[in-house]
PDB file of N, CA and C in Angstrom:
ATOM      1  N   MET A   1      17.522  80.787 118.379  1.00  0.00           N
ATOM      2  CA  MET A   1      16.730  80.627 119.585  1.00  0.00           C
ATOM      3  C   MET A   1      15.839  81.849 119.728  1.00  0.00           C
ATOM      4  N   SER A   2      14.569  81.621 119.991  1.00  0.00           N
ATOM      5  CA  SER A   2      13.643  82.740 120.078  1.00  0.00           C
ATOM      6  C   SER A   2      13.799  83.482 121.401  1.00  0.00           C
ATOM      7  N   ALA A   3      13.260  84.669 121.451  1.00  0.00           N
ATOM      8  CA  ALA A   3      13.358  85.494 122.658  1.00  0.00           C
ATOM      9  C   ALA A   3      12.606  84.880 123.833  1.00  0.00           C
ATOM     10  N   HIS A   4      11.607  84.049 123.549  1.00  0.00           N
ATOM     11  CA  HIS A   4      10.836  83.431 124.625  1.00  0.00           C
ATOM     12  C   HIS A   4      11.608  82.326 125.337  1.00  0.00           C
ATOM     13  N   HIS A   5      12.639  81.798 124.715  1.00  0.00           N
ATOM     14  CA  HIS A   5      13.358  80.655 125.265  1.00  0.00           C
ATOM     15  C   HIS A   5      14.845  80.948 125.214  1.00  0.00           C
ATOM     16  N   SER A   6      15.315  81.774 126.099  1.00  0.00           N
ATOM     17  CA  SER A   6      16.717  82.130 126.058  1.00  0.00           C
ATOM     18  C   SER A   6      17.443  81.603 127.278  1.00  0.00           C
ATOM     19  N   SER A   7      18.730  81.400 127.114  1.00  0.00           N
ATOM     20  CA  SER A   7      19.559  80.842 128.173  1.00  0.00           C
ATOM     21  C   SER A   7      20.393  81.959 128.778  1.00  0.00           C
ATOM     22  N   PHE A   8      20.542  81.947 130.096  1.00  0.00           N
ATOM     23  CA  PHE A   8      21.236  83.016 130.786  1.00  0.00           C
ATOM     24  C   PHE A   8      22.254  82.464 131.761  1.00  0.00           C
ATOM     25  N   THR A   9      23.248  83.261 132.068  1.00  0.00           N
ATOM     26  CA  THR A   9      24.206  82.919 133.116  1.00  0.00           C
ATOM     27  C   THR A   9      24.450  84.121 134.016  1.00  0.00           C
ATOM     28  N   LEU A  10      23.519  85.048 134.060  1.00  0.00           N
ATOM     29  CA  LEU A  10      23.673  86.249 134.870  1.00  0.00           C
ATOM     30  C   LEU A  10      23.632  85.911 136.351  1.00  0.00           C
ATOM     31  N   SER A  11      24.280  86.713 137.154  1.00  0.00           N
ATOM     32  CA  SER A  11      24.269  86.502 138.602  1.00  0.00           C
ATOM     33  C   SER A  11      23.138  87.300 139.233  1.00  0.00           C
ATOM     34  N   PRO A  12      22.104  86.633 139.714  1.00  0.00           N
ATOM     35  CA  PRO A  12      21.000  87.345 140.352  1.00  0.00           C
ATOM     36  C   PRO A  12      21.358  87.749 141.775  1.00  0.00           C
ATOM     37  N   LEU A  13      20.507  88.576 142.374  1.00  0.00           N
ATOM     38  CA  LEU A  13      20.746  89.006 143.743  1.00  0.00           C
ATOM     39  C   LEU A  13      20.589  87.853 144.726  1.00  0.00           C
ATOM     40  N   ARG A  14      19.570  87.047 144.562  1.00  0.00           N
ATOM     41  CA  ARG A  14      19.344  85.882 145.423  1.00  0.00           C
ATOM     42  C   ARG A  14      19.638  84.644 144.610  1.00  0.00           C
ATOM     43  N   MET A  15      20.704  83.970 144.911  1.00  0.00           N
ATOM     44  CA  MET A  15      21.129  82.829 144.117  1.00  0.00           C
ATOM     45  C   MET A  15      20.507  81.531 144.629  1.00  0.00           C
ATOM     46  N   PRO A  16      19.780  80.814 143.766  1.00  0.00           N
ATOM     47  CA  PRO A  16      19.287  79.498 144.166  1.00  0.00           C
ATOM     48  C   PRO A  16      20.440  78.494 144.126  1.00  0.00           C
ATOM     49  N   HIS A  17      20.215  77.337 144.661  1.00  0.00           N
ATOM     50  CA  HIS A  17      21.253  76.307 144.666  1.00  0.00           C
ATOM     51  C   HIS A  17      20.712  74.990 144.117  1.00  0.00           C
ATOM     52  N   PRO A  18      20.382  74.947 142.818  1.00  0.00           N
ATOM     53  CA  PRO A  18      19.867  73.700 142.248  1.00  0.00           C
ATOM     54  C   PRO A  18      20.915  72.590 142.221  1.00  0.00           C
ATOM     55  N   GLU A  19      22.196  72.944 142.326  1.00  0.00           N
ATOM     56  CA  GLU A  19      23.251  71.924 142.303  1.00  0.00           C
ATOM     57  C   GLU A  19      23.109  70.936 143.460  1.00  0.00           C
ATOM     58  N   GLU A  20      22.405  71.329 144.510  1.00  0.00           N
ATOM     59  CA  GLU A  20      22.177  70.430 145.637  1.00  0.00           C
ATOM     60  C   GLU A  20      21.303  69.243 145.249  1.00  0.00           C
ATOM     61  N   PHE A  21      20.566  69.366 144.148  1.00  0.00           N
ATOM     62  CA  PHE A  21      19.658  68.312 143.709  1.00  0.00           C
ATOM     63  C   PHE A  21      20.126  67.643 142.421  1.00  0.00           C
ATOM     64  N   MET A  22      21.341  67.943 141.977  1.00  0.00           N
ATOM     65  CA  MET A  22      21.864  67.385 140.732  1.00  0.00           C
ATOM     66  C   MET A  22      22.956  66.366 141.027  1.00  0.00           C
ATOM     67  N   ASP A  23      22.807  65.170 140.458  1.00  0.00           N
ATOM     68  CA  ASP A  23      23.812  64.124 140.624  1.00  0.00           C
ATOM     69  C   ASP A  23      25.010  64.402 139.723  1.00  0.00           C
ATOM     70  N   TYR A  24      26.182  64.028 140.180  1.00  0.00           N
ATOM     71  CA  TYR A  24      27.437  64.060 139.409  1.00  0.00           C
ATOM     72  C   TYR A  24      27.906  65.459 139.026  1.00  0.00           C
ATOM     73  N   ILE A  25      27.317  66.492 139.599  1.00  0.00           N
ATOM     74  CA  ILE A  25      27.730  67.857 139.262  1.00  0.00           C
ATOM     75  C   ILE A  25      29.019  68.183 140.020  1.00  0.00           C
ATOM     76  N   ALA A  26      29.876  68.993 139.425  1.00  0.00           N
ATOM     77  CA  ALA A  26      31.142  69.374 140.062  1.00  0.00           C
ATOM     78  C   ALA A  26      30.866  70.104 141.372  1.00  0.00           C
ATOM     79  N   LYS A  27      31.574  69.717 142.403  1.00  0.00           N
ATOM     80  CA  LYS A  27      31.391  70.310 143.735  1.00  0.00           C
ATOM     81  C   LYS A  27      32.252  71.563 143.878  1.00  0.00           C
ATOM     82  N   GLY A  28      31.783  72.500 144.657  1.00  0.00           N
ATOM     83  CA  GLY A  28      32.557  73.688 144.975  1.00  0.00           C
ATOM     84  C   GLY A  28      32.536  74.783 143.926  1.00  0.00           C
ATOM     85  N   LEU A  29      31.840  74.574 142.819  1.00  0.00           N
ATOM     86  CA  LEU A  29      31.777  75.607 141.777  1.00  0.00           C
ATOM     87  C   LEU A  29      30.530  76.475 141.893  1.00  0.00           C
ATOM     88  N   GLY A  30      29.582  76.045 142.704  1.00  0.00           N
ATOM     89  CA  GLY A  30      28.346  76.815 142.851  1.00  0.00           C
ATOM     90  C   GLY A  30      27.649  77.014 141.523  1.00  0.00           C
ATOM     91  N   SER A  31      27.306  78.251 141.209  1.00  0.00           N
ATOM     92  CA  SER A  31      26.542  78.544 139.994  1.00  0.00           C
ATOM     93  C   SER A  31      27.354  78.404 138.713  1.00  0.00           C
ATOM     94  N   ARG A  32      28.646  78.186 138.814  1.00  0.00           N
ATOM     95  CA  ARG A  32      29.443  77.980 137.596  1.00  0.00           C
ATOM     96  C   ARG A  32      29.285  76.569 137.045  1.00  0.00           C
ATOM     97  N   ALA A  33      28.684  75.658 137.823  1.00  0.00           N
ATOM     98  CA  ALA A  33      28.510  74.272 137.392  1.00  0.00           C
ATOM     99  C   ALA A  33      27.155  74.031 136.729  1.00  0.00           C
ATOM    100  N   TRP A  34      26.309  75.051 136.665  1.00  0.00           N
ATOM    101  CA  TRP A  34      25.005  74.911 136.038  1.00  0.00           C
ATOM    102  C   TRP A  34      24.598  76.218 135.366  1.00  0.00           C
ATOM    103  N   ARG A  35      23.596  76.111 134.516  1.00  0.00           N
ATOM    104  CA  ARG A  35      23.010  77.279 133.856  1.00  0.00           C
ATOM    105  C   ARG A  35      21.499  77.146 133.950  1.00  0.00           C
ATOM    106  N   TYR A  36      20.824  78.140 133.436  1.00  0.00           N
ATOM    107  CA  TYR A  36      19.365  78.059 133.426  1.00  0.00           C
ATOM    108  C   TYR A  36      18.801  78.595 132.134  1.00  0.00           C
ATOM    109  N   GLN A  37      17.606  78.147 131.836  1.00  0.00           N
ATOM    110  CA  GLN A  37      16.888  78.577 130.649  1.00  0.00           C
ATOM    111  C   GLN A  37      15.498  79.019 131.071  1.00  0.00           C
ATOM    112  N   LEU A  38      15.099  80.187 130.611  1.00  0.00           N
ATOM    113  CA  LEU A  38      13.757  80.688 130.907  1.00  0.00           C
ATOM    114  C   LEU A  38      12.772  80.162 129.874  1.00  0.00           C
ATOM    115  N   VAL A  39      11.600  79.787 130.338  1.00  0.00           N
ATOM    116  CA  VAL A  39      10.504  79.393 129.452  1.00  0.00           C
ATOM    117  C   VAL A  39       9.384  80.381 129.734  1.00  0.00           C
ATOM    118  N   GLU A  40       9.320  81.410 128.909  1.00  0.00           N
ATOM    119  CA  GLU A  40       8.358  82.486 129.118  1.00  0.00           C
ATOM    120  C   GLU A  40       7.098  82.328 128.289  1.00  0.00           C
ATOM    121  N   ALA A  41       7.149  81.467 127.266  1.00  0.00           N
ATOM    122  CA  ALA A  41       5.999  81.201 126.406  1.00  0.00           C
ATOM    123  C   ALA A  41       6.310  79.960 125.588  1.00  0.00           C
ATOM    124  N   LEU A  42       5.274  79.331 125.071  1.00  0.00           N
ATOM    125  CA  LEU A  42       5.467  78.211 124.158  1.00  0.00           C
ATOM    126  C   LEU A  42       5.518  78.752 122.739  1.00  0.00           C
ATOM    127  N   ASP A  43       6.075  77.977 121.836  1.00  0.00           N
ATOM    128  CA  ASP A  43       6.119  78.393 120.437  1.00  0.00           C
ATOM    129  C   ASP A  43       4.703  78.684 119.948  1.00  0.00           C
ATOM    130  N   GLY A  44       4.538  79.774 119.244  1.00  0.00           N
ATOM    131  CA  GLY A  44       3.236  80.155 118.711  1.00  0.00           C
ATOM    132  C   GLY A  44       2.419  81.045 119.630  1.00  0.00           C
ATOM    133  N   MET A  45       2.851  81.215 120.864  1.00  0.00           N
ATOM    134  CA  MET A  45       2.122  82.093 121.789  1.00  0.00           C
ATOM    135  C   MET A  45       2.495  83.546 121.514  1.00  0.00           C
ATOM    136  N   HIS A  46       1.527  84.421 121.625  1.00  0.00           N
ATOM    137  CA  HIS A  46       1.773  85.844 121.409  1.00  0.00           C
ATOM    138  C   HIS A  46       2.002  86.593 122.716  1.00  0.00           C
ATOM    139  N   ARG A  47       1.601  85.986 123.819  1.00  0.00           N
ATOM    140  CA  ARG A  47       1.792  86.602 125.130  1.00  0.00           C
ATOM    141  C   ARG A  47       2.626  85.681 126.003  1.00  0.00           C
ATOM    142  N   LYS A  48       3.379  86.291 126.893  1.00  0.00           N
ATOM    143  CA  LYS A  48       4.201  85.511 127.816  1.00  0.00           C
ATOM    144  C   LYS A  48       3.344  84.975 128.959  1.00  0.00           C
ATOM    145  N   PHE A  49       3.831  83.896 129.602  1.00  0.00           N
ATOM    146  CA  PHE A  49       3.162  83.368 130.787  1.00  0.00           C
ATOM    147  C   PHE A  49       3.188  84.415 131.894  1.00  0.00           C
ATOM    148  N   THR A  50       2.142  84.461 132.691  1.00  0.00           N
ATOM    149  CA  THR A  50       2.116  85.333 133.861  1.00  0.00           C
ATOM    150  C   THR A  50       3.185  84.899 134.853  1.00  0.00           C
ATOM    151  N   HIS A  51       3.312  83.587 135.018  1.00  0.00           N
ATOM    152  CA  HIS A  51       4.327  83.002 135.899  1.00  0.00           C
ATOM    153  C   HIS A  51       5.168  82.048 135.055  1.00  0.00           C
ATOM    154  N   PRO A  52       6.266  82.530 134.492  1.00  0.00           N
ATOM    155  CA  PRO A  52       7.104  81.696 133.625  1.00  0.00           C
ATOM    156  C   PRO A  52       7.821  80.595 134.411  1.00  0.00           C
ATOM    157  N   TYR A  53       8.486  79.736 133.679  1.00  0.00           N
ATOM    158  CA  TYR A  53       9.236  78.625 134.258  1.00  0.00           C
ATOM    159  C   TYR A  53      10.725  78.870 134.058  1.00  0.00           C
ATOM    160  N   ILE A  54      11.501  78.237 134.886  1.00  0.00           N
ATOM    161  CA  ILE A  54      12.947  78.312 134.756  1.00  0.00           C
ATOM    162  C   ILE A  54      13.484  76.885 134.874  1.00  0.00           C
ATOM    163  N   ILE A  55      14.323  76.492 133.928  1.00  0.00           N
ATOM    164  CA  ILE A  55      14.901  75.151 133.913  1.00  0.00           C
ATOM    165  C   ILE A  55      16.380  75.275 134.245  1.00  0.00           C
ATOM    166  N   PHE A  56      16.791  74.646 135.333  1.00  0.00           N
ATOM    167  CA  PHE A  56      18.201  74.599 135.715  1.00  0.00           C
ATOM    168  C   PHE A  56      18.779  73.298 135.181  1.00  0.00           C
ATOM    169  N   TYR A  57      19.945  73.365 134.563  1.00  0.00           N
ATOM    170  CA  TYR A  57      20.567  72.153 134.031  1.00  0.00           C
ATOM    171  C   TYR A  57      22.068  72.183 134.308  1.00  0.00           C
ATOM    172  N   PRO A  58      22.673  71.004 134.541  1.00  0.00           N
ATOM    173  CA  PRO A  58      24.097  70.946 134.872  1.00  0.00           C
ATOM    174  C   PRO A  58      24.969  71.129 133.633  1.00  0.00           C
ATOM    175  N   THR A  59      26.136  71.729 133.826  1.00  0.00           N
ATOM    176  CA  THR A  59      27.062  71.914 132.707  1.00  0.00           C
ATOM    177  C   THR A  59      28.462  71.390 132.991  1.00  0.00           C
ATOM    178  N   VAL A  60      28.839  71.256 134.257  1.00  0.00           N
ATOM    179  CA  VAL A  60      30.180  70.776 134.611  1.00  0.00           C
ATOM    180  C   VAL A  60      30.032  69.560 135.524  1.00  0.00           C
ATOM    181  N   SER A  61      30.527  68.414 135.057  1.00  0.00           N
ATOM    182  CA  SER A  61      30.422  67.191 135.855  1.00  0.00           C
ATOM    183  C   SER A  61      31.634  67.028 136.761  1.00  0.00           C
ATOM    184  N   GLN A  62      31.519  66.138 137.744  1.00  0.00           N
ATOM    185  CA  GLN A  62      32.612  65.880 138.685  1.00  0.00           C
ATOM    186  C   GLN A  62      33.861  65.375 137.983  1.00  0.00           C
ATOM    187  N   ASP A  63      33.676  64.500 136.999  1.00  0.00           N
ATOM    188  CA  ASP A  63      34.820  63.857 136.351  1.00  0.00           C
ATOM    189  C   ASP A  63      35.141  64.419 134.971  1.00  0.00           C
ATOM    190  N   GLY A  64      34.432  65.446 134.546  1.00  0.00           N
ATOM    191  CA  GLY A  64      34.687  66.057 133.249  1.00  0.00           C
ATOM    192  C   GLY A  64      34.023  65.337 132.084  1.00  0.00           C
ATOM    193  N   LEU A  65      33.378  64.215 132.344  1.00  0.00           N
ATOM    194  CA  LEU A  65      32.683  63.468 131.293  1.00  0.00           C
ATOM    195  C   LEU A  65      31.284  64.041 131.094  1.00  0.00           C
ATOM    196  N   PRO A  66      30.671  63.759 129.943  1.00  0.00           N
ATOM    197  CA  PRO A  66      29.296  64.237 129.738  1.00  0.00           C
ATOM    198  C   PRO A  66      28.344  63.607 130.749  1.00  0.00           C
ATOM    199  N   PHE A  67      27.320  64.343 131.113  1.00  0.00           N
ATOM    200  CA  PHE A  67      26.286  63.805 131.989  1.00  0.00           C
ATOM    201  C   PHE A  67      25.516  62.738 131.220  1.00  0.00           C
ATOM    202  N   PRO A  68      24.933  61.758 131.926  1.00  0.00           N
ATOM    203  CA  PRO A  68      24.112  60.760 131.229  1.00  0.00           C
ATOM    204  C   PRO A  68      22.840  61.402 130.689  1.00  0.00           C
ATOM    205  N   ILE A  69      22.321  60.826 129.623  1.00  0.00           N
ATOM    206  CA  ILE A  69      21.067  61.316 129.049  1.00  0.00           C
ATOM    207  C   ILE A  69      19.957  61.167 130.082  1.00  0.00           C
ATOM    208  N   ASN A  70      19.118  62.173 130.191  1.00  0.00           N
ATOM    209  CA  ASN A  70      17.992  62.149 131.117  1.00  0.00           C
ATOM    210  C   ASN A  70      16.912  61.248 130.505  1.00  0.00           C
ATOM    211  N   ASN A  71      16.753  60.050 131.063  1.00  0.00           N
ATOM    212  CA  ASN A  71      15.837  59.054 130.501  1.00  0.00           C
ATOM    213  C   ASN A  71      14.377  59.485 130.545  1.00  0.00           C
ATOM    214  N   LEU A  72      13.971  60.197 131.585  1.00  0.00           N
ATOM    215  CA  LEU A  72      12.585  60.653 131.661  1.00  0.00           C
ATOM    216  C   LEU A  72      12.275  61.598 130.500  1.00  0.00           C
ATOM    217  N   LEU A  73      13.175  62.521 130.228  1.00  0.00           N
ATOM    218  CA  LEU A  73      12.940  63.456 129.124  1.00  0.00           C
ATOM    219  C   LEU A  73      13.026  62.742 127.783  1.00  0.00           C
ATOM    220  N   CYS A  74      13.847  61.715 127.704  1.00  0.00           N
ATOM    221  CA  CYS A  74      13.912  60.886 126.497  1.00  0.00           C
ATOM    222  C   CYS A  74      12.549  60.240 126.246  1.00  0.00           C
ATOM    223  N   GLU A  75      11.927  59.718 127.304  1.00  0.00           N
ATOM    224  CA  GLU A  75      10.598  59.108 127.183  1.00  0.00           C
ATOM    225  C   GLU A  75       9.545  60.148 126.820  1.00  0.00           C
ATOM    226  N   ILE A  76       9.622  61.325 127.407  1.00  0.00           N
ATOM    227  CA  ILE A  76       8.662  62.390 127.099  1.00  0.00           C
ATOM    228  C   ILE A  76       8.763  62.780 125.631  1.00  0.00           C
ATOM    229  N   GLN A  77       9.977  62.879 125.104  1.00  0.00           N
ATOM    230  CA  GLN A  77      10.169  63.282 123.713  1.00  0.00           C
ATOM    231  C   GLN A  77       9.770  62.185 122.736  1.00  0.00           C
ATOM    232  N   GLY A  78       9.798  60.936 123.182  1.00  0.00           N
ATOM    233  CA  GLY A  78       9.367  59.815 122.344  1.00  0.00           C
ATOM    234  C   GLY A  78      10.055  59.802 120.995  1.00  0.00           C
ATOM    235  N   PRO A  79       9.270  59.743 119.902  1.00  0.00           N
ATOM    236  CA  PRO A  79       9.877  59.673 118.568  1.00  0.00           C
ATOM    237  C   PRO A  79      10.602  60.960 118.156  1.00  0.00           C
ATOM    238  N   LEU A  80      10.379  62.047 118.883  1.00  0.00           N
ATOM    239  CA  LEU A  80      11.076  63.306 118.583  1.00  0.00           C
ATOM    240  C   LEU A  80      12.466  63.362 119.219  1.00  0.00           C
ATOM    241  N   PHE A  81      12.811  62.352 120.034  1.00  0.00           N
ATOM    242  CA  PHE A  81      14.102  62.336 120.734  1.00  0.00           C
ATOM    243  C   PHE A  81      15.258  62.311 119.735  1.00  0.00           C
ATOM    244  N   ARG A  82      16.239  63.196 119.982  1.00  0.00           N
ATOM    245  CA  ARG A  82      17.478  63.225 119.188  1.00  0.00           C
ATOM    246  C   ARG A  82      18.639  63.267 120.164  1.00  0.00           C
ATOM    247  N   GLU A  83      19.473  62.247 120.127  1.00  0.00           N
ATOM    248  CA  GLU A  83      20.569  62.126 121.088  1.00  0.00           C
ATOM    249  C   GLU A  83      21.525  63.313 121.045  1.00  0.00           C
ATOM    250  N   GLU A  84      21.749  63.877 119.877  1.00  0.00           N
ATOM    251  CA  GLU A  84      22.723  64.971 119.760  1.00  0.00           C
ATOM    252  C   GLU A  84      22.299  66.247 120.488  1.00  0.00           C
ATOM    253  N   VAL A  85      21.027  66.400 120.808  1.00  0.00           N
ATOM    254  CA  VAL A  85      20.561  67.574 121.562  1.00  0.00           C
ATOM    255  C   VAL A  85      19.807  67.160 122.827  1.00  0.00           C
ATOM    256  N   ALA A  86      20.114  65.971 123.334  1.00  0.00           N
ATOM    257  CA  ALA A  86      19.400  65.427 124.495  1.00  0.00           C
ATOM    258  C   ALA A  86      19.703  66.226 125.758  1.00  0.00           C
ATOM    259  N   TRP A  87      18.685  66.353 126.597  1.00  0.00           N
ATOM    260  CA  TRP A  87      18.886  66.906 127.933  1.00  0.00           C
ATOM    261  C   TRP A  87      19.689  65.879 128.707  1.00  0.00           C
ATOM    262  N   ARG A  88      20.686  66.331 129.442  1.00  0.00           N
ATOM    263  CA  ARG A  88      21.553  65.420 130.190  1.00  0.00           C
ATOM    264  C   ARG A  88      21.571  65.801 131.663  1.00  0.00           C
ATOM    265  N   GLY A  89      21.720  64.784 132.499  1.00  0.00           N
ATOM    266  CA  GLY A  89      21.782  65.016 133.934  1.00  0.00           C
ATOM    267  C   GLY A  89      20.421  65.354 134.510  1.00  0.00           C
ATOM    268  N   ASN A  90      20.429  65.686 135.783  1.00  0.00           N
ATOM    269  CA  ASN A  90      19.190  66.047 136.481  1.00  0.00           C
ATOM    270  C   ASN A  90      18.850  67.495 136.166  1.00  0.00           C
ATOM    271  N   ILE A  91      17.629  67.732 135.744  1.00  0.00           N
ATOM    272  CA  ILE A  91      17.192  69.111 135.545  1.00  0.00           C
ATOM    273  C   ILE A  91      16.217  69.461 136.663  1.00  0.00           C
ATOM    274  N   ILE A  92      16.195  70.717 137.011  1.00  0.00           N
ATOM    275  CA  ILE A  92      15.296  71.230 138.039  1.00  0.00           C
ATOM    276  C   ILE A  92      14.431  72.291 137.363  1.00  0.00           C
ATOM    277  N   ILE A  93      13.120  72.165 137.510  1.00  0.00           N
ATOM    278  CA  ILE A  93      12.211  73.141 136.909  1.00  0.00           C
ATOM    279  C   ILE A  93      11.455  73.848 138.027  1.00  0.00           C
ATOM    280  N   ALA A  94      11.430  75.162 137.946  1.00  0.00           N
ATOM    281  CA  ALA A  94      10.716  75.968 138.934  1.00  0.00           C
ATOM    282  C   ALA A  94       9.830  76.968 138.196  1.00  0.00           C
ATOM    283  N   LYS A  95       8.882  77.510 138.905  1.00  0.00           N
ATOM    284  CA  LYS A  95       7.976  78.524 138.373  1.00  0.00           C
ATOM    285  C   LYS A  95       8.207  79.775 139.206  1.00  0.00           C
ATOM    286  N   TYR A  96       8.255  80.917 138.557  1.00  0.00           N
ATOM    287  CA  TYR A  96       8.543  82.138 139.303  1.00  0.00           C
ATOM    288  C   TYR A  96       7.654  83.283 138.855  1.00  0.00           C
ATOM    289  N   ARG A  97       7.687  84.328 139.645  1.00  0.00           N
ATOM    290  CA  ARG A  97       7.029  85.579 139.259  1.00  0.00           C
ATOM    291  C   ARG A  97       8.057  86.691 139.432  1.00  0.00           C
ATOM    292  N   ASP A  98       7.832  87.783 138.776  1.00  0.00           N
ATOM    293  CA  ASP A  98       8.765  88.915 138.778  1.00  0.00           C
ATOM    294  C   ASP A  98      10.057  88.515 138.066  1.00  0.00           C
ATOM    295  N   GLU A  99      11.168  88.981 138.550  1.00  0.00           N
ATOM    296  CA  GLU A  99      12.457  88.670 137.928  1.00  0.00           C
ATOM    297  C   GLU A  99      12.879  87.254 138.306  1.00  0.00           C
ATOM    298  N   PRO A 100      13.734  86.623 137.483  1.00  0.00           N
ATOM    299  CA  PRO A 100      14.181  85.268 137.836  1.00  0.00           C
ATOM    300  C   PRO A 100      14.737  85.221 139.252  1.00  0.00           C
ATOM    301  N   PHE A 101      14.334  84.218 139.964  1.00  0.00           N
ATOM    302  CA  PHE A 101      14.783  83.905 141.320  1.00  0.00           C
ATOM    303  C   PHE A 101      14.177  84.785 142.401  1.00  0.00           C
ATOM    304  N   SER A 102      13.503  85.877 142.077  1.00  0.00           N
ATOM    305  CA  SER A 102      13.053  86.763 143.140  1.00  0.00           C
ATOM    306  C   SER A 102      11.918  86.155 143.953  1.00  0.00           C
ATOM    307  N   SER A 103      11.056  85.381 143.317  1.00  0.00           N
ATOM    308  CA  SER A 103       9.947  84.789 144.049  1.00  0.00           C
ATOM    309  C   SER A 103       9.458  83.544 143.316  1.00  0.00           C
ATOM    310  N   MET A 104       9.785  82.390 143.842  1.00  0.00           N
ATOM    311  CA  MET A 104       9.326  81.139 143.251  1.00  0.00           C
ATOM    312  C   MET A 104       7.886  80.896 143.693  1.00  0.00           C
ATOM    313  N   THR A 105       7.101  80.242 142.843  1.00  0.00           N
ATOM    314  CA  THR A 105       5.725  79.906 143.175  1.00  0.00           C
ATOM    315  C   THR A 105       5.547  78.396 143.093  1.00  0.00           C
ATOM    316  N   ASN A 106       4.469  77.907 143.655  1.00  0.00           N
ATOM    317  CA  ASN A 106       4.187  76.476 143.617  1.00  0.00           C
ATOM    318  C   ASN A 106       3.748  76.053 142.225  1.00  0.00           C
ATOM    319  N   VAL A 107       4.170  74.872 141.822  1.00  0.00           N
ATOM    320  CA  VAL A 107       3.697  74.294 140.565  1.00  0.00           C
ATOM    321  C   VAL A 107       2.630  73.269 140.905  1.00  0.00           C
ATOM    322  N   SER A 108       1.800  72.974 139.926  1.00  0.00           N
ATOM    323  CA  SER A 108       0.749  71.980 140.131  1.00  0.00           C
ATOM    324  C   SER A 108       0.763  71.006 138.967  1.00  0.00           C
ATOM    325  N   ILE A 109      -0.081  70.014 139.039  1.00  0.00           N
ATOM    326  CA  ILE A 109      -0.184  69.035 137.967  1.00  0.00           C
ATOM    327  C   ILE A 109      -0.645  69.710 136.673  1.00  0.00           C
ATOM    328  N   ALA A 110      -1.318  70.849 136.772  1.00  0.00           N
ATOM    329  CA  ALA A 110      -1.756  71.585 135.585  1.00  0.00           C
ATOM    330  C   ALA A 110      -0.573  72.143 134.800  1.00  0.00           C
ATOM    331  N   ASP A 111       0.583  72.299 135.435  1.00  0.00           N
ATOM    332  CA  ASP A 111       1.769  72.796 134.745  1.00  0.00           C
ATOM    333  C   ASP A 111       2.443  71.711 133.906  1.00  0.00           C
ATOM    334  N   PHE A 112       2.192  70.451 134.233  1.00  0.00           N
ATOM    335  CA  PHE A 112       2.880  69.360 133.549  1.00  0.00           C
ATOM    336  C   PHE A 112       2.678  69.372 132.032  1.00  0.00           C
ATOM    337  N   PRO A 113       1.435  69.517 131.503  1.00  0.00           N
ATOM    338  CA  PRO A 113       1.274  69.527 130.041  1.00  0.00           C
ATOM    339  C   PRO A 113       2.035  70.667 129.358  1.00  0.00           C
ATOM    340  N   ILE A 114       2.118  71.805 130.010  1.00  0.00           N
ATOM    341  CA  ILE A 114       2.856  72.939 129.441  1.00  0.00           C
ATOM    342  C   ILE A 114       4.336  72.599 129.352  1.00  0.00           C
ATOM    343  N   LEU A 115       4.877  72.074 130.445  1.00  0.00           N
ATOM    344  CA  LEU A 115       6.295  71.723 130.461  1.00  0.00           C
ATOM    345  C   LEU A 115       6.583  70.559 129.524  1.00  0.00           C
ATOM    346  N   LYS A 116       5.680  69.603 129.470  1.00  0.00           N
ATOM    347  CA  LYS A 116       5.855  68.465 128.558  1.00  0.00           C
ATOM    348  C   LYS A 116       5.907  68.956 127.120  1.00  0.00           C
ATOM    349  N   ASN A 117       5.005  69.869 126.761  1.00  0.00           N
ATOM    350  CA  ASN A 117       4.997  70.436 125.414  1.00  0.00           C
ATOM    351  C   ASN A 117       6.334  71.098 125.111  1.00  0.00           C
ATOM    352  N   TYR A 118       6.828  71.888 126.029  1.00  0.00           N
ATOM    353  CA  TYR A 118       8.102  72.573 125.813  1.00  0.00           C
ATOM    354  C   TYR A 118       9.246  71.567 125.665  1.00  0.00           C
ATOM    355  N   LEU A 119       9.324  70.612 126.581  1.00  0.00           N
ATOM    356  CA  LEU A 119      10.432  69.658 126.572  1.00  0.00           C
ATOM    357  C   LEU A 119      10.380  68.715 125.377  1.00  0.00           C
ATOM    358  N   MET A 120       9.177  68.452 124.852  1.00  0.00           N
ATOM    359  CA  MET A 120       9.059  67.601 123.665  1.00  0.00           C
ATOM    360  C   MET A 120       9.656  68.271 122.439  1.00  0.00           C
ATOM    361  N   THR A 121       9.603  69.573 122.401  1.00  0.00           N
ATOM    362  CA  THR A 121       9.991  70.287 121.182  1.00  0.00           C
ATOM    363  C   THR A 121      11.295  71.067 121.300  1.00  0.00           C
ATOM    364  N   HIS A 122      11.950  71.000 122.452  1.00  0.00           N
ATOM    365  CA  HIS A 122      13.187  71.756 122.638  1.00  0.00           C
ATOM    366  C   HIS A 122      14.270  70.872 123.227  1.00  0.00           C
ATOM    367  N   GLY A 123      15.397  70.843 122.560  1.00  0.00           N
ATOM    368  CA  GLY A 123      16.544  70.123 123.085  1.00  0.00           C
ATOM    369  C   GLY A 123      17.273  70.971 124.112  1.00  0.00           C
ATOM    370  N   SER A 124      18.286  70.381 124.689  1.00  0.00           N
ATOM    371  CA  SER A 124      19.091  71.082 125.684  1.00  0.00           C
ATOM    372  C   SER A 124      19.812  72.263 125.051  1.00  0.00           C
ATOM    373  N   PRO A 125      19.817  73.420 125.697  1.00  0.00           N
ATOM    374  CA  PRO A 125      20.528  74.580 125.145  1.00  0.00           C
ATOM    375  C   PRO A 125      22.038  74.369 125.089  1.00  0.00           C
ATOM    376  N   VAL A 126      22.553  73.417 125.849  1.00  0.00           N
ATOM    377  CA  VAL A 126      23.991  73.135 125.833  1.00  0.00           C
ATOM    378  C   VAL A 126      24.412  72.628 124.466  1.00  0.00           C
ATOM    379  N   TYR A 127      23.532  71.892 123.804  1.00  0.00           N
ATOM    380  CA  TYR A 127      23.885  71.233 122.554  1.00  0.00           C
ATOM    381  C   TYR A 127      23.206  71.833 121.338  1.00  0.00           C
ATOM    382  N   CYS A 128      22.345  72.833 121.525  1.00  0.00           N
ATOM    383  CA  CYS A 128      21.644  73.446 120.384  1.00  0.00           C
ATOM    384  C   CYS A 128      22.473  74.544 119.763  1.00  0.00           C
TER     385      CYS A 128
END
């Protein structure tokens, strides 16, 4: 995994709560039921984004079973889709500035092609 796309489980000072928007995630575990992945640049870029993205994804389900495959991301990946590294469950994508979680910024439709490019070429970090 390249330095631009790394997965973290560090405890930040201000903790977001993406689990509130994730279906079937284990209740009462807070940040232990999900992880996040930073997207600071796309493959081939020499400079990082001014405002990188952060992808929150579930890791612990209510019943201990795997989360269902995320059908939207399956459609985005099209012929590049591989079930063994599929994104599962509801993912939450945010854009931030400064350190992770310190200041989220608004996303626009202009961000969609960037995120689509990333999601087309990267499987879930849980299974990679």
